[in-house]
Amino acid sequence: MKISTTLVLLSFLSFSLKAQTIWETTQFEVMGNCNMCKKTIEKAASINGVKKAKWDKKTKVLSLSFDPKKTNLDKIHLHIAAAGYDTPKYRANDETYESLHTCCHYDRKK
């Protein structure tokens, strides 16, 4: 009986600790043009610790919710730049940018 009670209490404690994740939300510009860009940007931003990544084609703004205990903005920016898209923190490698489909080529800031 004590073992059953202990297991139940541990289960509730475990659930309670998981439920206490504090998600940080933010937005930043990511250069891109089309729905193909949207899919690639959102996928690149969806690393471990990211709950939500939604890029708006019209405004070029990525909205994020992430767990700061598992990841950080620097890592997210790096993953997006590695996919070929410029962010305020990182410029994508020229070769990676050039390998994007032509409809995905945006005007790059110097």
Protein backbone atom coordinates (compact mmCIF):
# COMPACT_ATOMS: atom_id res chain seq x y z
CA MET A 1 0.00 0.00 0.00
CA LYS A 2 2.84 2.41 0.87
CA ILE A 3 4.50 1.72 -2.46
CA SER A 4 1.28 2.49 -4.37
CA THR A 5 0.78 5.71 -2.46
CA THR A 6 4.39 6.73 -3.06
CA LEU A 7 4.10 6.04 -6.78
CA VAL A 8 0.91 8.09 -7.04
CA LEU A 9 2.51 11.00 -5.19
CA LEU A 10 5.61 10.85 -7.39
CA SER A 11 3.42 10.86 -10.50
CA PHE A 12 1.58 13.98 -9.34
CA LEU A 13 4.84 15.66 -8.38
CA SER A 14 6.35 14.85 -11.77
CA PHE A 15 3.28 16.20 -13.57
CA SER A 16 3.29 19.31 -11.41
CA LEU A 17 6.94 20.05 -12.19
CA LYS A 18 6.37 19.65 -15.94
CA ALA A 19 3.36 21.96 -15.80
CA GLN A 20 5.48 24.75 -14.30
CA THR A 21 7.46 25.48 -17.46
CA ILE A 22 7.57 29.22 -17.98
CA TRP A 23 7.44 29.90 -21.70
CA GLU A 24 9.17 33.04 -22.92
CA THR A 25 7.59 34.74 -25.93
CA THR A 26 9.21 37.10 -28.38
CA GLN A 27 9.10 38.34 -31.96
CA PHE A 28 11.80 39.33 -34.40
CA GLU A 29 12.22 39.95 -38.11
CA VAL A 30 13.35 37.14 -40.39
CA MET A 31 13.87 37.94 -44.04
CA GLY A 32 11.97 35.81 -46.56
CA ASN A 33 9.33 36.05 -49.28
CA CYS A 34 7.00 33.13 -49.80
CA ASN A 35 5.22 30.14 -48.31
CA MET A 36 8.29 28.00 -48.99
CA CYS A 37 10.28 30.46 -46.85
CA LYS A 38 7.59 30.26 -44.17
CA LYS A 39 7.86 26.48 -43.99
CA THR A 40 11.68 26.53 -43.86
CA ILE A 41 11.91 29.36 -41.30
CA GLU A 42 9.36 27.78 -38.97
CA LYS A 43 11.08 24.38 -39.25
CA ALA A 44 14.52 25.91 -38.59
CA ALA A 45 13.20 27.76 -35.54
CA SER A 46 11.49 24.67 -34.12
CA ILE A 47 14.47 23.32 -32.21
CA ASN A 48 14.28 21.51 -28.87
CA GLY A 49 12.69 23.85 -26.32
CA VAL A 50 10.59 25.81 -28.83
CA LYS A 51 6.86 25.40 -28.30
CA LYS A 52 5.64 27.63 -31.14
CA ALA A 53 7.27 29.24 -34.17
CA LYS A 54 5.05 31.16 -36.57
CA TRP A 55 6.41 33.40 -39.33
CA ASP A 56 4.19 35.99 -41.01
CA LYS A 57 4.97 36.38 -44.71
CA LYS A 58 3.51 39.89 -44.91
CA THR A 59 5.26 41.42 -41.89
CA LYS A 60 8.34 39.14 -42.00
CA VAL A 61 8.04 38.67 -38.24
CA LEU A 62 8.62 35.38 -36.45
CA SER A 63 6.62 34.86 -33.25
CA LEU A 64 8.13 32.40 -30.80
CA SER A 65 7.35 30.68 -27.52
CA PHE A 66 10.28 28.81 -26.00
CA ASP A 67 11.58 27.36 -22.76
CA PRO A 68 14.66 29.40 -21.75
CA LYS A 69 15.89 26.44 -19.68
CA LYS A 70 16.21 24.35 -22.87
CA THR A 71 17.27 26.87 -25.50
CA ASN A 72 17.94 30.56 -26.08
CA LEU A 73 17.42 33.20 -28.74
CA ASP A 74 20.99 33.00 -29.92
CA LYS A 75 20.60 29.30 -30.84
CA ILE A 76 17.28 29.96 -32.56
CA HIS A 77 18.74 32.82 -34.63
CA LEU A 78 21.70 30.61 -35.58
CA HIS A 79 19.45 27.77 -36.78
CA ILE A 80 17.44 30.16 -38.93
CA ALA A 81 20.59 31.71 -40.43
CA ALA A 82 21.96 28.20 -41.08
CA ALA A 83 18.81 27.56 -43.15
CA GLY A 84 19.63 30.60 -45.33
CA TYR A 85 17.57 33.39 -43.77
CA ASP A 86 18.92 36.61 -42.23
CA THR A 87 17.86 37.63 -38.73
CA PRO A 88 18.75 40.75 -36.73
CA LYS A 89 21.51 38.77 -34.96
CA TYR A 90 22.97 36.68 -37.80
CA ARG A 91 23.40 36.95 -41.54
CA ALA A 92 23.01 33.70 -43.43
CA ASN A 93 26.06 32.30 -45.18
CA ASP A 94 26.13 33.60 -48.79
CA GLU A 95 26.42 30.09 -50.22
CA THR A 96 23.45 28.85 -48.20
CA TYR A 97 21.41 31.91 -49.20
CA GLU A 98 22.25 31.36 -52.89
CA SER A 99 21.14 27.71 -52.63
CA LEU A 100 17.60 28.80 -51.70
CA HIS A 101 14.98 28.58 -54.43
CA THR A 102 14.97 31.77 -56.52
CA CYS A 103 11.54 32.82 -55.21
CA CYS A 104 13.08 32.79 -51.72
CA HIS A 105 15.80 35.31 -52.58
CA TYR A 106 15.06 38.51 -50.68
CA ASP A 107 16.84 41.86 -50.69
CA ARG A 108 19.69 41.43 -48.25
CA LYS A 109 20.85 44.24 -46.00
CA LYS A 110 24.58 44.86 -45.99
